[in-house]
């Protein structure tokens, strides 16, 4: 319903076929591989190809919350059976904080329990954050044996969370497993990563996710609960705070200026400001809604320099504006959450978990995306999601008494940190060689501009880790699917 599992389909003339993996469709003799450059354009911004696009022309993804109906005559129709737009704070009756806390606890217990109906060993990917720790705690309540927990770390990473994970594991008497990976593990897995992904998804977390999935499988635990979805439905990202503050403040006043004044400011500022701010000024000058993505590699203004032949239409901005128009009646935070539910969560975060875990032959149910929990969470007012300086305020209050307070209120880190701490000098040098020598770069990109990206990063003038990873992931994918005989990497 929320995009936990993908479905791809191909249609041309009278041929229609579908599969849960693109590589299965590519085995069909009548399906020919052709690069979808529109998907590539979107990917450079969003780190994924937004639905219904894929990187292969004529192969499409089914949007989360929809199904495709085909009658005996071959007539097709997309039917939406679930839409987050139906739920908002104004559509619900959530006002009392105590009542809300009790309801969240009840729904979370129900969500975890629903995903334990099996006779196979269960476990949790444990970072020591609120979401994974709640999964452990609520699973432990319902088990008569220790919960199997699994953590992964990056060698030399200052944001290593092993100590927090160990604390939670000890607190709930879990059977804890750990794995540490380094540069060589990282680089050796990359060809197989490109094969498992089917199409690029620019998140370096794919690498540690695969290794911790493999660790779970080798331990005999084949169903692992994960914490995806919590940050989206309960507003857990710090970026949400920044977005809400700026949109409801400075951006609103700036947008109200006369058009010619905004155009003058934009023309002066675009060469002086960073790409994100330049993009914001451009949107304001065109009276478009502001967009501050949680993980943007290349803004539209940068793609004009990166690509040899940029698309004439501003497709990424158009995609964002179209989604925002659908949620015109919601407040700023609600719009941002719904944008994440439409694109980043189903097309990047859930896909990375599904592709990497299936590559290690394990299942990864997602309790925080339980239908009842999601629908209730979407009706919770923004002031209960962000309050007293805390993101995810109401979930943290619900977690009190279930997991230790120092786990609930510690500083938030991403899973294994971010691209910045994963992209070591060795991996950056590997990426530079791969990207600059790629036939795809010669065909599509401005090689001199890419060289500048590396030069600024190496000289620490600008941290371009995410840009580099975005291009590396794309390069490896193109090498796997367009430059080899489609052999499966070991």
Protein backbone atom coordinates (compact mmCIF):
# COMPACT_ATOMS: atom_id res chain seq x y z
CA UNK A 1 0.00 0.00 0.00
CA UNK A 2 2.82 2.42 0.85
CA UNK A 3 5.30 1.07 -1.69
CA UNK A 4 6.93 -1.56 0.54
CA UNK A 5 7.21 -3.86 -2.49
CA UNK A 6 7.59 -2.73 -6.12
CA UNK A 7 5.72 -3.85 -9.21
CA UNK A 8 7.10 -3.14 -12.68
CA UNK A 9 5.29 -3.57 -15.97
CA UNK A 10 6.06 -3.34 -19.68
CA UNK A 11 3.61 -2.64 -22.46
CA UNK A 12 4.14 -2.28 -26.18
CA UNK A 13 1.71 -3.10 -28.96
CA UNK A 14 -0.14 -6.19 -27.69
CA UNK A 15 2.57 -7.30 -25.27
CA UNK A 16 1.98 -6.72 -21.55
CA UNK A 17 4.08 -8.29 -18.80
CA UNK A 18 4.88 -7.52 -15.17
CA UNK A 19 7.30 -8.58 -12.43
CA UNK A 20 8.61 -7.55 -9.03
CA UNK A 21 12.09 -6.99 -10.51
CA UNK A 22 13.13 -5.20 -13.69
CA UNK A 23 15.81 -7.80 -14.37
CA UNK A 24 13.07 -10.41 -14.79
CA UNK A 25 11.39 -8.30 -17.48
CA UNK A 26 14.71 -7.82 -19.27
CA UNK A 27 14.90 -11.59 -19.77
CA UNK A 28 12.02 -11.26 -22.24
CA UNK A 29 13.48 -11.40 -25.79
CA UNK A 30 11.07 -8.75 -27.09
CA UNK A 31 12.06 -6.16 -24.47
CA UNK A 32 15.01 -4.04 -25.56
CA UNK A 33 17.05 -1.93 -23.18
CA UNK A 34 16.95 1.78 -23.87
CA UNK A 35 18.01 4.48 -21.41
CA UNK A 36 15.19 6.75 -20.25
CA UNK A 37 16.88 10.16 -20.07
CA UNK A 38 13.87 11.78 -18.44
CA UNK A 39 14.28 9.38 -15.51
CA UNK A 40 17.99 10.23 -15.41
CA UNK A 41 17.14 13.94 -15.19
CA UNK A 42 14.85 13.34 -12.20
CA UNK A 43 17.35 11.01 -10.55
CA UNK A 44 20.04 13.67 -10.48
CA UNK A 45 17.79 15.69 -8.18
CA UNK A 46 15.82 13.14 -6.17
CA UNK A 47 18.31 10.21 -6.10
CA UNK A 48 15.66 7.99 -7.70
CA UNK A 49 13.37 7.91 -10.71
CA UNK A 50 9.93 9.12 -9.55
CA UNK A 51 6.98 6.87 -10.33
CA UNK A 52 5.89 5.87 -12.97
CA UNK A 53 9.29 6.39 -14.61
CA UNK A 54 12.10 3.83 -14.56
CA UNK A 55 15.53 4.06 -16.15
CA UNK A 56 14.36 1.78 -18.96
CA UNK A 57 12.06 3.17 -21.65
CA UNK A 58 8.66 1.42 -21.82
CA UNK A 59 9.14 -0.17 -18.38
CA UNK A 60 7.08 1.53 -15.68
CA UNK A 61 6.54 1.34 -11.92
CA UNK A 62 3.12 1.03 -10.35
CA UNK A 63 2.45 3.90 -7.96
CA UNK A 64 2.02 3.05 -4.28
CA UNK A 65 -1.63 2.85 -3.25
CA UNK A 66 -2.84 1.92 -6.74
CA UNK A 67 -3.54 -1.19 -8.77
CA UNK A 68 -3.69 -1.78 -12.50
CA UNK A 69 -6.85 -3.38 -13.87
CA UNK A 70 -6.88 -5.06 -17.30
CA UNK A 71 -10.01 -6.52 -18.85
CA UNK A 72 -10.34 -9.36 -21.36
CA UNK A 73 -10.06 -6.93 -24.26
CA UNK A 74 -6.78 -5.52 -22.98
CA UNK A 75 -8.22 -2.24 -21.76
CA UNK A 76 -6.15 -0.94 -18.83
CA UNK A 77 -6.93 1.44 -16.01
CA UNK A 78 -5.07 2.63 -12.92
CA UNK A 79 -7.22 2.58 -9.79
CA UNK A 80 -6.24 4.38 -6.59
CA UNK A 81 -7.33 2.54 -3.44
CA UNK A 82 -5.35 4.55 -0.88
CA UNK A 83 -4.26 8.18 -0.84
CA UNK A 84 -2.62 10.15 1.99
CA UNK A 85 -4.50 13.22 0.77
CA UNK A 86 -7.63 11.76 2.39
CA UNK A 87 -6.09 12.18 5.83
CA UNK A 88 -5.08 15.42 7.50
CA UNK A 89 -5.14 17.05 10.92
CA UNK A 90 -8.37 18.80 9.93
CA UNK A 91 -10.01 15.47 9.00
CA UNK A 92 -9.34 13.87 12.36
CA UNK A 93 -10.19 14.62 15.96
CA UNK A 94 -6.74 14.29 17.52
CA UNK A 95 -6.32 17.10 20.04
CA UNK A 96 -5.62 15.63 23.46
CA UNK A 97 -1.94 14.78 23.92
CA UNK A 98 -2.48 12.04 26.50
CA UNK A 99 -5.10 10.34 24.36
CA UNK A 100 -2.80 10.57 21.34
CA UNK A 101 0.09 8.95 23.24
CA UNK A 102 -2.07 6.04 24.37
CA UNK A 103 -3.42 5.51 20.86
CA UNK A 104 0.06 5.48 19.29
CA UNK A 105 1.26 2.90 21.83
CA UNK A 106 -1.72 0.68 21.13
CA UNK A 107 -1.32 0.94 17.35
CA UNK A 108 2.43 0.30 17.51
CA UNK A 109 1.96 -2.86 19.57
CA UNK A 110 -0.67 -4.01 17.11
CA UNK A 111 1.60 -3.23 14.13
CA UNK A 112 4.54 -5.20 15.53
CA UNK A 113 2.30 -8.12 16.52
CA UNK A 114 0.74 -8.30 13.04
CA UNK A 115 4.19 -8.81 11.55
CA UNK A 116 5.11 -11.67 13.88
CA UNK A 117 2.53 -14.15 12.59
CA UNK A 118 5.00 -16.77 11.40
CA UNK A 119 7.00 -19.68 12.74
CA UNK A 120 10.36 -18.41 11.43
CA UNK A 121 12.99 -16.59 13.55
CA UNK A 122 12.38 -12.84 13.98
CA UNK A 123 14.82 -10.00 14.47
CA UNK A 124 15.36 -6.24 14.25
CA UNK A 125 17.92 -4.03 12.54
CA UNK A 126 19.04 -2.03 15.58
CA UNK A 127 20.75 1.36 15.37
CA UNK A 128 19.96 2.42 18.93
CA UNK A 129 17.60 5.16 17.75
CA UNK A 130 13.96 5.62 18.76
CA UNK A 131 12.39 3.64 15.91
CA UNK A 132 14.53 0.51 15.97
CA UNK A 133 14.61 0.50 19.78
CA UNK A 134 10.80 0.60 19.89
CA UNK A 135 10.73 -2.34 17.49
CA UNK A 136 12.98 -4.31 19.86
CA UNK A 137 11.01 -3.35 22.97
CA UNK A 138 7.59 -4.19 21.54
CA UNK A 139 8.81 -7.41 19.99
CA UNK A 140 10.40 -8.45 23.30
CA UNK A 141 7.02 -7.96 25.04
CA UNK A 142 5.53 -10.65 22.82
CA UNK A 143 8.34 -13.22 22.74
CA UNK A 144 9.40 -15.95 25.14
CA UNK A 145 12.96 -15.96 23.79
CA UNK A 146 15.52 -13.17 23.21
CA UNK A 147 15.01 -10.89 20.22
CA UNK A 148 17.73 -11.23 17.57
CA UNK A 149 19.22 -7.78 16.89
CA UNK A 150 21.68 -6.75 14.17
CA UNK A 151 23.88 -3.66 13.80
CA UNK A 152 26.41 -2.50 11.21
CA UNK A 153 29.15 0.09 11.43
CA UNK A 154 31.67 1.77 9.13
CA UNK A 155 35.36 1.56 10.04
CA UNK A 156 36.65 4.97 11.13
CA UNK A 157 33.17 6.51 11.26
CA UNK A 158 32.79 9.01 14.14
CA UNK A 159 29.00 8.57 14.06
CA UNK A 160 29.21 4.85 14.87
CA UNK A 161 26.14 3.92 16.94
CA UNK A 162 27.29 0.56 18.31
CA UNK A 163 27.29 1.83 21.91
CA UNK A 164 23.62 2.87 21.71
CA UNK A 165 22.64 -0.38 20.00
CA UNK A 166 24.47 -2.41 22.65
CA UNK A 167 22.76 -0.44 25.42
CA UNK A 168 19.32 -1.23 23.98
CA UNK A 169 20.23 -4.87 23.37
CA UNK A 170 21.37 -5.27 26.99
CA UNK A 171 18.28 -3.47 28.31
CA UNK A 172 15.97 -5.94 26.56
CA UNK A 173 18.23 -8.98 26.90
CA UNK A 174 18.51 -9.34 23.12
CA UNK A 175 20.84 -11.70 21.29
CA UNK A 176 22.95 -9.04 19.60
CA UNK A 177 25.05 -9.36 16.42
CA UNK A 178 27.41 -6.81 14.86
CA UNK A 179 29.44 -6.38 11.70
CA UNK A 180 31.98 -3.71 10.79
CA UNK A 181 32.78 -2.93 7.15
CA UNK A 182 35.60 -0.96 5.56
CA UNK A 183 36.61 0.52 2.21
CA UNK A 184 37.47 -2.82 0.61
CA UNK A 185 34.10 -4.32 1.63
CA UNK A 186 32.41 -1.23 0.26
CA UNK A 187 34.13 -1.23 -3.12
CA UNK A 188 33.96 -5.00 -3.66
CA UNK A 189 30.17 -4.97 -3.24
CA UNK A 190 29.42 -2.12 -5.64
CA UNK A 191 29.04 -4.17 -8.86
CA UNK A 192 26.61 -6.52 -7.12
CA UNK A 193 24.78 -3.53 -5.63
CA UNK A 194 24.15 -2.18 -9.14
CA UNK A 195 22.77 -5.58 -10.16
CA UNK A 196 20.47 -5.88 -7.14
CA UNK A 197 19.13 -2.34 -7.47
CA UNK A 198 17.78 -2.84 -11.03
CA UNK A 199 17.93 0.94 -11.45
CA UNK A 200 20.02 3.57 -9.63
CA UNK A 201 19.00 4.68 -6.16
CA UNK A 202 21.62 7.06 -4.86
CA UNK A 203 21.82 6.11 -1.21
CA UNK A 204 25.15 4.75 0.07
CA UNK A 205 23.20 3.12 2.92
CA UNK A 206 22.56 0.34 0.39
CA UNK A 207 26.04 -1.00 1.16
CA UNK A 208 25.80 -1.40 4.97
CA UNK A 209 22.18 -2.54 4.53
CA UNK A 210 23.31 -5.45 2.41
CA UNK A 211 26.04 -6.48 4.83
CA UNK A 212 23.77 -6.38 7.88
CA UNK A 213 21.10 -8.30 5.92
CA UNK A 214 23.71 -10.91 5.05
CA UNK A 215 24.71 -11.09 8.73
CA UNK A 216 21.09 -11.76 9.69
CA UNK A 217 20.71 -14.45 7.07
CA UNK A 218 23.89 -16.20 8.17
CA UNK A 219 22.59 -16.22 11.75
CA UNK A 220 19.45 -18.04 10.60
CA UNK A 221 17.14 -15.04 11.14
CA UNK A 222 15.15 -14.46 7.97
CA UNK A 223 12.46 -11.95 9.02
CA UNK A 224 13.83 -8.60 10.19
CA UNK A 225 11.62 -5.68 11.24
CA UNK A 226 12.82 -2.24 10.14
CA UNK A 227 11.99 1.33 11.18
CA UNK A 228 11.32 2.96 7.81
CA UNK A 229 8.34 5.32 7.65
CA UNK A 230 8.52 6.67 11.19
CA UNK A 231 10.39 9.86 10.27
CA UNK A 232 7.88 10.59 7.53
CA UNK A 233 4.60 10.05 9.40
CA UNK A 234 5.83 11.59 12.68
CA UNK A 235 8.06 14.37 11.21
CA UNK A 236 11.43 13.16 12.40
CA UNK A 237 13.80 14.97 10.06
CA UNK A 238 15.52 18.17 11.14
CA UNK A 239 14.99 19.44 7.62
CA UNK A 240 11.24 19.59 8.31
CA UNK A 241 11.87 22.18 11.01
CA UNK A 242 14.02 24.34 8.72
CA UNK A 243 11.53 24.03 5.89
CA UNK A 244 8.57 24.97 8.06
CA UNK A 245 10.35 27.92 9.67
CA UNK A 246 11.59 29.41 6.41
CA UNK A 247 8.41 28.78 4.40
CA UNK A 248 6.16 30.32 7.04
CA UNK A 249 8.56 33.22 7.59
CA UNK A 250 11.12 34.78 5.24
CA UNK A 251 9.99 32.95 2.11
CA UNK A 252 6.39 34.11 2.52
CA UNK A 253 7.44 37.77 2.81
CA UNK A 254 9.90 37.48 -0.06
CA UNK A 255 7.26 35.84 -2.29
CA UNK A 256 4.96 38.81 -1.71
CA UNK A 257 7.42 41.26 -3.30
CA UNK A 258 6.62 42.60 -6.79
CA UNK A 259 7.69 40.24 -9.56
CA UNK A 260 10.32 42.55 -11.08
CA UNK A 261 11.98 43.00 -7.66
CA UNK A 262 12.20 39.23 -7.15
CA UNK A 263 13.66 38.81 -10.63
CA UNK A 264 16.37 41.40 -9.94
CA UNK A 265 17.28 39.77 -6.62
CA UNK A 266 17.38 36.34 -8.26
CA UNK A 267 19.59 37.51 -11.14
CA UNK A 268 22.06 39.02 -8.66
CA UNK A 269 21.93 36.22 -6.11
CA UNK A 270 22.15 33.14 -8.33
CA UNK A 271 25.87 33.57 -8.86
CA UNK A 272 26.61 34.32 -5.20
CA UNK A 273 24.45 31.85 -3.26
CA UNK A 274 24.63 28.08 -2.94
CA UNK A 275 22.43 26.07 -5.34
CA UNK A 276 19.69 25.41 -2.77
CA UNK A 277 19.22 29.12 -2.03
CA UNK A 278 19.43 30.00 -5.72
CA UNK A 279 16.68 27.47 -6.41
CA UNK A 280 14.54 28.99 -3.66
CA UNK A 281 14.95 32.49 -5.13
CA UNK A 282 14.06 31.19 -8.58
CA UNK A 283 10.90 29.53 -7.26
CA UNK A 284 9.86 32.70 -5.48
CA UNK A 285 10.41 34.79 -8.61
CA UNK A 286 8.08 32.39 -10.49
CA UNK A 287 5.55 32.22 -7.59
CA UNK A 288 6.20 28.49 -7.23
CA UNK A 289 6.07 26.59 -3.91
CA UNK A 290 9.32 26.18 -2.05
CA UNK A 291 10.95 22.77 -2.01
CA UNK A 292 13.69 21.75 0.41
CA UNK A 293 14.37 18.09 -0.23
CA UNK A 294 15.81 15.87 2.46
CA UNK A 295 18.56 14.65 0.14
CA UNK A 296 19.07 16.64 -3.06
CA UNK A 297 22.17 15.95 -5.17
CA UNK A 298 21.80 18.41 -8.05
CA UNK A 299 19.36 21.29 -8.14
CA UNK A 300 17.88 22.26 -11.51
CA UNK A 301 20.27 25.19 -11.81
CA UNK A 302 23.24 22.80 -11.45
CA UNK A 303 21.90 20.35 -14.00
CA UNK A 304 22.13 23.04 -16.65
CA UNK A 305 25.93 22.86 -16.23
CA UNK A 306 26.20 19.13 -15.57
CA UNK A 307 24.26 17.87 -18.59
CA UNK A 308 25.39 18.37 -22.17
CA UNK A 309 21.79 18.68 -23.30
CA UNK A 310 19.51 19.61 -20.36
CA UNK A 311 15.82 19.02 -20.82
CA UNK A 312 14.13 22.22 -21.94
CA UNK A 313 11.23 21.85 -19.53
CA UNK A 314 11.98 22.16 -15.80
CA UNK A 315 10.74 18.65 -15.05
CA UNK A 316 11.84 18.36 -11.42
CA UNK A 317 10.18 21.61 -10.40
CA UNK A 318 7.05 20.62 -12.30
CA UNK A 319 6.86 17.33 -10.43
CA UNK A 320 7.12 19.06 -7.06
CA UNK A 321 4.59 21.76 -7.92
CA UNK A 322 2.10 19.16 -9.15
CA UNK A 323 2.25 17.25 -5.88
CA UNK A 324 1.97 20.43 -3.79
CA UNK A 325 -1.11 21.56 -5.68
CA UNK A 326 -2.83 18.34 -4.67
CA UNK A 327 -2.23 19.18 -1.00
CA UNK A 328 -3.03 22.89 -1.27
CA UNK A 329 -5.30 22.90 1.79
CA UNK A 330 -2.78 21.44 4.24
CA UNK A 331 -0.23 23.27 6.35
CA UNK A 332 3.46 23.43 5.43
CA UNK A 333 4.56 20.38 7.40
CA UNK A 334 1.68 18.27 6.12
CA UNK A 335 2.59 19.16 2.51
CA UNK A 336 6.20 18.15 3.06
CA UNK A 337 5.24 14.85 4.70
CA UNK A 338 2.93 14.02 1.82
CA UNK A 339 5.62 14.84 -0.73
CA UNK A 340 7.89 12.36 1.06
CA UNK A 341 5.12 9.74 1.10
CA UNK A 342 4.67 10.22 -2.65
CA UNK A 343 8.30 9.97 -3.70
CA UNK A 344 11.26 9.59 -1.38
CA UNK A 345 9.81 7.00 1.01
CA UNK A 346 8.38 4.53 -1.54
CA UNK A 347 10.84 5.10 -4.38
CA UNK A 348 14.13 5.38 -2.46
CA UNK A 349 14.02 4.43 1.22
CA UNK A 350 11.75 1.40 0.92
CA UNK A 351 13.37 0.29 -2.32
CA UNK A 352 16.86 0.29 -0.81
CA UNK A 353 15.63 -1.94 2.03
CA UNK A 354 13.71 -4.28 -0.25
CA UNK A 355 16.45 -4.68 -2.89
CA UNK A 356 19.33 -5.15 -0.47
CA UNK A 357 17.50 -7.45 1.97
CA UNK A 358 16.10 -9.61 -0.83
CA UNK A 359 19.64 -9.81 -2.18
CA UNK A 360 20.54 -11.54 1.07
CA UNK A 361 17.31 -13.62 1.04
CA UNK A 362 15.58 -12.07 4.05
CA UNK A 363 12.18 -10.40 4.51
CA UNK A 364 11.86 -6.93 6.06
CA UNK A 365 8.35 -6.06 7.34
CA UNK A 366 7.76 -2.39 8.20
CA UNK A 367 5.64 -1.88 11.37
CA UNK A 368 5.59 1.92 11.13
CA UNK A 369 3.77 1.62 7.79
CA UNK A 370 0.92 -0.40 9.25
CA UNK A 371 -2.25 0.96 7.64
CA UNK A 372 -4.03 1.82 10.90
CA UNK A 373 -0.95 3.52 12.35
CA UNK A 374 -0.23 5.59 9.23
CA UNK A 375 -3.81 6.78 8.85
CA UNK A 376 -3.95 7.83 12.50
CA UNK A 377 -0.53 9.52 12.39
CA UNK A 378 -1.54 11.61 9.37
CA UNK A 379 -4.41 13.12 11.38
CA UNK A 380 -2.14 14.23 14.24
CA UNK A 381 -1.71 18.05 14.19
CA UNK A 382 1.69 19.46 13.29
CA UNK A 383 2.02 21.07 16.72
CA UNK A 384 2.11 17.59 18.30
CA UNK A 385 4.74 16.36 15.84
CA UNK A 386 7.07 19.31 16.35
CA UNK A 387 6.97 20.80 19.83
CA UNK A 388 9.36 22.26 22.43
CA UNK A 389 12.24 22.05 19.97
CA UNK A 390 11.74 18.32 19.38
CA UNK A 391 11.04 16.66 16.07
CA UNK A 392 8.84 13.57 16.32
CA UNK A 393 7.63 14.95 19.66
CA UNK A 394 4.51 12.83 20.06
CA UNK A 395 6.23 9.56 19.17
CA UNK A 396 8.99 10.30 21.67
CA UNK A 397 6.39 10.94 24.36
CA UNK A 398 4.75 7.63 23.46
CA UNK A 399 8.14 5.91 23.74
CA UNK A 400 8.70 7.13 27.32
CA UNK A 401 8.47 4.23 29.74
CA UNK A 402 8.98 1.72 26.93
CA UNK A 403 12.61 2.48 26.05
CA UNK A 404 15.23 4.43 28.09
CA UNK A 405 14.92 8.23 28.01
CA UNK A 406 18.58 8.71 27.05
CA UNK A 407 17.88 6.69 23.89
CA UNK A 408 14.72 8.67 23.13
CA UNK A 409 16.30 12.10 23.48
CA UNK A 410 19.80 11.52 22.18
CA UNK A 411 21.03 13.29 19.04
CA UNK A 412 19.60 11.79 15.87
CA UNK A 413 21.97 10.21 13.35
CA UNK A 414 21.05 8.67 10.03
CA UNK A 415 21.56 4.93 9.53
CA UNK A 416 25.37 4.62 9.37
CA UNK A 417 25.61 8.40 9.22
CA UNK A 418 25.51 9.82 5.69
CA UNK A 419 27.36 9.91 2.39
CA UNK A 420 29.83 12.35 3.96
CA UNK A 421 31.27 9.84 6.43
CA UNK A 422 31.08 6.87 4.02
CA UNK A 423 32.91 8.54 1.13
CA UNK A 424 36.51 8.05 2.23
CA UNK A 425 39.49 9.18 0.14
CA UNK A 426 39.88 5.67 -1.30
CA UNK A 427 36.24 5.48 -2.37
CA UNK A 428 36.32 9.03 -3.81
CA UNK A 429 39.37 8.17 -5.91
CA UNK A 430 37.67 4.98 -7.09
CA UNK A 431 34.59 7.02 -8.00
CA UNK A 432 36.57 9.65 -9.90
CA UNK A 433 38.22 7.05 -12.11
CA UNK A 434 34.96 5.20 -12.75
CA UNK A 435 32.88 8.29 -13.50
CA UNK A 436 35.33 10.23 -15.65
CA UNK A 437 36.15 7.18 -17.80
CA UNK A 438 32.55 6.05 -18.22
CA UNK A 439 30.98 6.00 -21.71
CA UNK A 440 27.85 7.42 -20.07
CA UNK A 441 29.81 10.50 -18.98
CA UNK A 442 31.11 10.97 -22.51
CA UNK A 443 27.58 10.74 -23.89
CA UNK A 444 25.54 12.70 -21.36
CA UNK A 445 27.65 14.81 -19.01
CA UNK A 446 29.97 17.79 -19.07
CA UNK A 447 33.23 16.11 -18.04
CA UNK A 448 34.91 19.38 -17.04
CA UNK A 449 32.06 20.21 -14.64
CA UNK A 450 32.35 16.78 -13.00
CA UNK A 451 36.11 17.31 -12.62
CA UNK A 452 35.35 20.55 -10.76
CA UNK A 453 33.03 18.66 -8.40
CA UNK A 454 35.88 16.31 -7.48
CA UNK A 455 38.45 19.11 -7.26
CA UNK A 456 36.34 21.15 -4.83
CA UNK A 457 35.62 18.06 -2.75
CA UNK A 458 39.25 16.92 -2.54
CA UNK A 459 40.43 20.44 -1.65
CA UNK A 460 37.58 20.63 0.92
CA UNK A 461 36.18 23.77 -0.65
CA UNK A 462 32.80 22.05 -0.73
CA UNK A 463 31.69 18.64 0.54
CA UNK A 464 30.31 16.97 -2.57
CA UNK A 465 29.98 13.45 -1.18
CA UNK A 466 26.34 13.04 -2.16
CA UNK A 467 26.90 14.41 -5.66
CA UNK A 468 29.79 12.00 -6.16
CA UNK A 469 27.78 9.05 -4.87
CA UNK A 470 24.86 9.98 -7.11
CA UNK A 471 27.10 9.93 -10.19
CA UNK A 472 28.97 6.79 -9.09
CA UNK A 473 25.77 4.83 -8.51
CA UNK A 474 24.54 5.89 -11.96
CA UNK A 475 27.86 4.97 -13.58
CA UNK A 476 27.95 1.51 -12.00
CA UNK A 477 24.35 0.85 -13.01
CA UNK A 478 25.05 1.83 -16.63
CA UNK A 479 28.14 -0.38 -16.65
CA UNK A 480 26.14 -3.34 -15.32
CA UNK A 481 23.15 -3.09 -17.65
CA UNK A 482 24.55 -1.47 -20.81
CA UNK A 483 28.24 -2.38 -20.93
CA UNK A 484 28.26 -6.04 -19.84
CA UNK A 485 26.48 -9.21 -20.87
CA UNK A 486 24.09 -8.86 -17.90
CA UNK A 487 26.02 -11.44 -15.94
CA UNK A 488 25.24 -11.53 -12.25
CA UNK A 489 28.21 -10.24 -10.19
CA UNK A 490 29.41 -12.51 -7.42
